[in-house]
Amino acid sequence: MNTSVSKYSGVSELKIYKTAFTQSSTMHYVKAVAIGVLSAAIICMLLISLITFVLVKSQNLPANIISLVVLIISCISTFFGGYITVRILKNKGLLFGMITGLFVFLIVLIAGLSSSTETISAITLTKAAIMVISGAIGGIFSINKKSKKPKY
C-alpha cells in the first residue's frame, strides 16, 4: 500500500476543514451585519414616516429642525441596528456595531445624495461619525445586556 498518500491526506483534510470553518464564520458575520443593517433601515423608514405624518399635520415646525430630527432618527435606528447585529453574534460589540453604523450611514448617504443637490461636506463626515458611534454604542449595550435567568 502507498502510505505516503495517507500521510498527506490528513493535512489536506485539515486545510479543507479550516477553509470551510473560515467561510462559515465569515458568512455568519455577514448575515448578522445584513440583518442589523436591514433592521436599522426598517426602523429608520418607520420613524421617518411617522415624523413626516406629524409634520404634515402640524405644518408649523421650522424647516431647520427637520435635518436635526432626521439625524436623531438615524442615530436611534443605527443604535438598534448595532444592537441587533451584536445580539446575533454575541461578541465583538464595538467592532460590529461600528460596521453596522457605517453601512447604515452609507445607505442614508446614498439616499440623500440621490434625492438632493447637496454634496459631501464636513457636516456629512460629522453625521457619519455620529452614526458609527451610535452603532458602536448599540453593540456595546448588546454585549453588556445580561440575559434574564428564571428564578426557580
C-alpha atoms as a PDB file:
ATOM      1  CA  MET A   1       0.000   0.000   0.000  1.00  0.00           C
ATOM      2  CA  ASN A   2       1.012   3.538  -0.579  1.00  0.00           C
ATOM      3  CA  THR A   3       1.449   5.112   2.876  1.00  0.00           C
ATOM      4  CA  SER A   4       2.703   8.481   1.625  1.00  0.00           C
ATOM      5  CA  VAL A   5      -0.773   9.333   0.346  1.00  0.00           C
ATOM      6  CA  SER A   6      -2.364   8.639   3.724  1.00  0.00           C
ATOM      7  CA  LYS A   7       0.192  10.884   5.470  1.00  0.00           C
ATOM      8  CA  TYR A   8      -0.749  13.869   3.363  1.00  0.00           C
ATOM      9  CA  SER A   9      -4.484  13.238   3.159  1.00  0.00           C
ATOM     10  CA  GLY A  10      -4.922  14.207   6.822  1.00  0.00           C
ATOM     11  CA  VAL A  11      -3.146  17.506   6.186  1.00  0.00           C
ATOM     12  CA  SER A  12      -5.323  18.311   3.178  1.00  0.00           C
ATOM     13  CA  GLU A  13      -8.460  17.361   5.137  1.00  0.00           C
ATOM     14  CA  LEU A  14      -7.355  19.752   7.895  1.00  0.00           C
ATOM     15  CA  LYS A  15      -6.862  22.556   5.369  1.00  0.00           C
ATOM     16  CA  ILE A  16     -10.306  21.911   3.874  1.00  0.00           C
ATOM     17  CA  TYR A  17     -11.858  21.961   7.371  1.00  0.00           C
ATOM     18  CA  LYS A  18     -10.113  25.250   8.252  1.00  0.00           C
ATOM     19  CA  THR A  19     -11.231  26.815   4.970  1.00  0.00           C
ATOM     20  CA  ALA A  20     -14.821  25.649   5.439  1.00  0.00           C
ATOM     21  CA  PHE A  21     -14.833  26.882   9.040  1.00  0.00           C
ATOM     22  CA  THR A  22     -13.481  30.294   7.997  1.00  0.00           C
ATOM     23  CA  GLN A  23     -16.045  30.646   5.211  1.00  0.00           C
ATOM     24  CA  SER A  24     -18.864  29.572   7.524  1.00  0.00           C
ATOM     25  CA  SER A  25     -17.722  32.014  10.203  1.00  0.00           C
ATOM     26  CA  THR A  26     -17.412  34.842   7.684  1.00  0.00           C
ATOM     27  CA  MET A  27     -20.907  34.182   6.356  1.00  0.00           C
ATOM     28  CA  HIS A  28     -22.247  34.269   9.922  1.00  0.00           C
ATOM     29  CA  TYR A  29     -20.739  37.746  10.378  1.00  0.00           C
ATOM     30  CA  VAL A  30     -22.042  38.939   7.010  1.00  0.00           C
ATOM     31  CA  LYS A  31     -25.557  37.655   7.728  1.00  0.00           C
ATOM     32  CA  ALA A  32     -25.605  39.273  11.175  1.00  0.00           C
ATOM     33  CA  VAL A  33     -24.489  42.641   9.786  1.00  0.00           C
ATOM     34  CA  ALA A  34     -27.010  42.384   6.933  1.00  0.00           C
ATOM     35  CA  ILE A  35     -29.833  41.653   9.397  1.00  0.00           C
ATOM     36  CA  GLY A  36     -28.733  44.552  11.614  1.00  0.00           C
ATOM     37  CA  VAL A  37     -28.491  46.987   8.704  1.00  0.00           C
ATOM     38  CA  LEU A  38     -31.853  45.872   7.321  1.00  0.00           C
ATOM     39  CA  SER A  39     -33.433  46.239  10.768  1.00  0.00           C
ATOM     40  CA  ALA A  40     -31.956  49.714  11.141  1.00  0.00           C
ATOM     41  CA  ALA A  41     -33.221  50.717   7.703  1.00  0.00           C
ATOM     42  CA  ILE A  42     -36.734  49.489   8.504  1.00  0.00           C
ATOM     43  CA  ILE A  43     -36.747  51.286  11.873  1.00  0.00           C
ATOM     44  CA  CYS A  44     -35.463  54.455  10.181  1.00  0.00           C
ATOM     45  CA  MET A  45     -38.135  54.325   7.473  1.00  0.00           C
ATOM     46  CA  LEU A  46     -40.909  53.750  10.003  1.00  0.00           C
ATOM     47  CA  LEU A  47     -39.778  56.595  12.263  1.00  0.00           C
ATOM     48  CA  ILE A  48     -39.283  58.998   9.356  1.00  0.00           C
ATOM     49  CA  SER A  49     -42.740  58.093   8.045  1.00  0.00           C
ATOM     50  CA  LEU A  50     -44.216  58.780  11.467  1.00  0.00           C
ATOM     51  CA  ILE A  51     -42.418  62.137  11.761  1.00  0.00           C
ATOM     52  CA  THR A  52     -43.450  63.070   8.221  1.00  0.00           C
ATOM     53  CA  PHE A  53     -47.072  62.360   9.095  1.00  0.00           C
ATOM     54  CA  VAL A  54     -46.776  64.549  12.204  1.00  0.00           C
ATOM     55  CA  LEU A  55     -45.109  67.347  10.223  1.00  0.00           C
ATOM     56  CA  VAL A  56     -47.791  67.299   7.539  1.00  0.00           C
ATOM     57  CA  LYS A  57     -50.494  67.514  10.174  1.00  0.00           C
ATOM     58  CA  SER A  58     -48.864  70.296  12.216  1.00  0.00           C
ATOM     59  CA  GLN A  59     -47.353  72.417   9.390  1.00  0.00           C
ATOM     60  CA  ASN A  60     -45.731  74.821  11.846  1.00  0.00           C
ATOM     61  CA  LEU A  61     -42.375  73.199  12.546  1.00  0.00           C
ATOM     62  CA  PRO A  62     -39.339  75.206  11.348  1.00  0.00           C
ATOM     63  CA  ALA A  63     -37.527  73.739   8.343  1.00  0.00           C
ATOM     64  CA  ASN A  64     -34.116  73.826  10.052  1.00  0.00           C
ATOM     65  CA  ILE A  65     -35.372  71.379  12.709  1.00  0.00           C
ATOM     66  CA  ILE A  66     -36.098  68.701  10.102  1.00  0.00           C
ATOM     67  CA  SER A  67     -32.430  67.839   9.463  1.00  0.00           C
ATOM     68  CA  LEU A  68     -31.820  67.518  13.209  1.00  0.00           C
ATOM     69  CA  VAL A  69     -34.851  65.238  13.594  1.00  0.00           C
ATOM     70  CA  VAL A  70     -33.650  63.068  10.699  1.00  0.00           C
ATOM     71  CA  LEU A  71     -30.187  62.820  12.315  1.00  0.00           C
ATOM     72  CA  ILE A  72     -31.720  61.796  15.643  1.00  0.00           C
ATOM     73  CA  ILE A  73     -33.893  59.180  13.923  1.00  0.00           C
ATOM     74  CA  SER A  74     -30.860  57.883  12.028  1.00  0.00           C
ATOM     75  CA  CYS A  75     -28.924  57.564  15.284  1.00  0.00           C
ATOM     76  CA  ILE A  76     -31.775  55.743  17.021  1.00  0.00           C
ATOM     77  CA  SER A  77     -32.135  53.300  14.149  1.00  0.00           C
ATOM     78  CA  THR A  78     -28.350  52.805  13.931  1.00  0.00           C
ATOM     79  CA  PHE A  79     -28.233  52.121  17.673  1.00  0.00           C
ATOM     80  CA  PHE A  80     -30.839  49.375  17.295  1.00  0.00           C
ATOM     81  CA  GLY A  81     -29.127  48.037  14.164  1.00  0.00           C
ATOM     82  CA  GLY A  82     -25.833  47.672  16.060  1.00  0.00           C
ATOM     83  CA  TYR A  83     -27.695  46.165  18.986  1.00  0.00           C
ATOM     84  CA  ILE A  84     -29.397  43.557  16.783  1.00  0.00           C
ATOM     85  CA  THR A  85     -26.188  42.698  14.903  1.00  0.00           C
ATOM     86  CA  VAL A  86     -24.216  42.066  18.067  1.00  0.00           C
ATOM     87  CA  ARG A  87     -27.123  40.274  19.742  1.00  0.00           C
ATOM     88  CA  ILE A  88     -26.890  37.742  16.899  1.00  0.00           C
ATOM     89  CA  LEU A  89     -23.085  37.478  17.039  1.00  0.00           C
ATOM     90  CA  LYS A  90     -22.700  37.586  20.845  1.00  0.00           C
ATOM     91  CA  ASN A  91     -19.169  39.003  20.556  1.00  0.00           C
ATOM     92  CA  LYS A  92     -17.133  41.945  19.230  1.00  0.00           C
ATOM     93  CA  GLY A  93     -19.768  44.536  20.125  1.00  0.00           C
ATOM     94  CA  LEU A  94     -17.742  47.657  19.412  1.00  0.00           C
ATOM     95  CA  LEU A  95     -16.404  46.458  16.060  1.00  0.00           C
ATOM     96  CA  PHE A  96     -19.619  45.101  14.595  1.00  0.00           C
ATOM     97  CA  GLY A  97     -21.688  47.950  15.994  1.00  0.00           C
ATOM     98  CA  MET A  98     -19.374  50.342  14.169  1.00  0.00           C
ATOM     99  CA  ILE A  99     -19.544  48.315  10.957  1.00  0.00           C
ATOM    100  CA  THR A 100     -23.343  48.304  11.122  1.00  0.00           C
ATOM    101  CA  GLY A 101     -23.352  52.061  11.761  1.00  0.00           C
ATOM    102  CA  LEU A 102     -21.087  52.630   8.772  1.00  0.00           C
ATOM    103  CA  PHE A 103     -23.317  50.632   6.439  1.00  0.00           C
ATOM    104  CA  VAL A 104     -26.458  52.392   7.678  1.00  0.00           C
ATOM    105  CA  PHE A 105     -24.727  55.731   7.116  1.00  0.00           C
ATOM    106  CA  LEU A 106     -23.811  54.707   3.564  1.00  0.00           C
ATOM    107  CA  ILE A 107     -27.451  53.829   2.856  1.00  0.00           C
ATOM    108  CA  VAL A 108     -28.614  57.183   4.248  1.00  0.00           C
ATOM    109  CA  LEU A 109     -25.873  58.988   2.309  1.00  0.00           C
ATOM    110  CA  ILE A 110     -26.769  57.324  -0.990  1.00  0.00           C
ATOM    111  CA  ALA A 111     -30.466  58.019  -0.442  1.00  0.00           C
ATOM    112  CA  GLY A 112     -29.727  61.636   0.456  1.00  0.00           C
ATOM    113  CA  LEU A 113     -27.396  62.243  -2.483  1.00  0.00           C
ATOM    114  CA  SER A 114     -29.839  60.711  -4.938  1.00  0.00           C
ATOM    115  CA  SER A 115     -32.711  62.915  -3.790  1.00  0.00           C
ATOM    116  CA  SER A 116     -30.967  66.272  -3.316  1.00  0.00           C
ATOM    117  CA  THR A 117     -28.357  68.504  -4.866  1.00  0.00           C
ATOM    118  CA  GLU A 118     -26.166  68.723  -1.761  1.00  0.00           C
ATOM    119  CA  THR A 119     -22.587  67.496  -1.853  1.00  0.00           C
ATOM    120  CA  ILE A 120     -20.455  65.714   0.708  1.00  0.00           C
ATOM    121  CA  SER A 121     -19.126  68.180   3.278  1.00  0.00           C
ATOM    122  CA  ALA A 122     -17.752  68.360   6.803  1.00  0.00           C
ATOM    123  CA  ILE A 123     -21.303  68.064   8.126  1.00  0.00           C
ATOM    124  CA  THR A 124     -21.651  64.778   6.244  1.00  0.00           C
ATOM    125  CA  LEU A 125     -18.496  63.443   7.890  1.00  0.00           C
ATOM    126  CA  THR A 126     -19.810  64.569  11.276  1.00  0.00           C
ATOM    127  CA  LYS A 127     -23.051  62.692  10.633  1.00  0.00           C
ATOM    128  CA  ALA A 128     -21.002  59.631   9.656  1.00  0.00           C
ATOM    129  CA  ALA A 129     -19.038  59.783  12.898  1.00  0.00           C
ATOM    130  CA  ILE A 130     -22.209  60.217  14.960  1.00  0.00           C
ATOM    131  CA  MET A 131     -23.924  57.268  13.290  1.00  0.00           C
ATOM    132  CA  VAL A 132     -20.873  54.995  13.585  1.00  0.00           C
ATOM    133  CA  ILE A 133     -20.576  55.885  17.280  1.00  0.00           C
ATOM    134  CA  SER A 134     -24.298  55.268  17.735  1.00  0.00           C
ATOM    135  CA  GLY A 135     -23.975  51.802  16.182  1.00  0.00           C
ATOM    136  CA  ALA A 136     -20.950  51.092  18.389  1.00  0.00           C
ATOM    137  CA  ILE A 137     -22.883  52.099  21.499  1.00  0.00           C
ATOM    138  CA  GLY A 138     -25.718  49.785  20.436  1.00  0.00           C
ATOM    139  CA  GLY A 139     -23.215  46.959  20.040  1.00  0.00           C
ATOM    140  CA  ILE A 140     -21.695  47.639  23.449  1.00  0.00           C
ATOM    141  CA  PHE A 141     -25.138  47.724  25.079  1.00  0.00           C
ATOM    142  CA  SER A 142     -25.964  44.415  23.423  1.00  0.00           C
ATOM    143  CA  ILE A 143     -22.842  42.733  24.799  1.00  0.00           C
ATOM    144  CA  ASN A 144     -23.373  44.161  28.276  1.00  0.00           C
ATOM    145  CA  LYS A 145     -27.067  43.244  28.490  1.00  0.00           C
ATOM    146  CA  LYS A 146     -27.494  40.467  30.978  1.00  0.00           C
ATOM    147  CA  SER A 147     -29.844  37.692  29.996  1.00  0.00           C
ATOM    148  CA  LYS A 148     -32.679  37.087  32.408  1.00  0.00           C
ATOM    149  CA  LYS A 149     -32.431  33.766  34.169  1.00  0.00           C
ATOM    150  CA  PRO A 150     -35.549  32.174  35.617  1.00  0.00           C
ATOM    151  CA  LYS A 151     -35.670  32.213  39.417  1.00  0.00           C
ATOM    152  CA  TYR A 152     -36.685  28.709  40.422  1.00  0.00           C
END
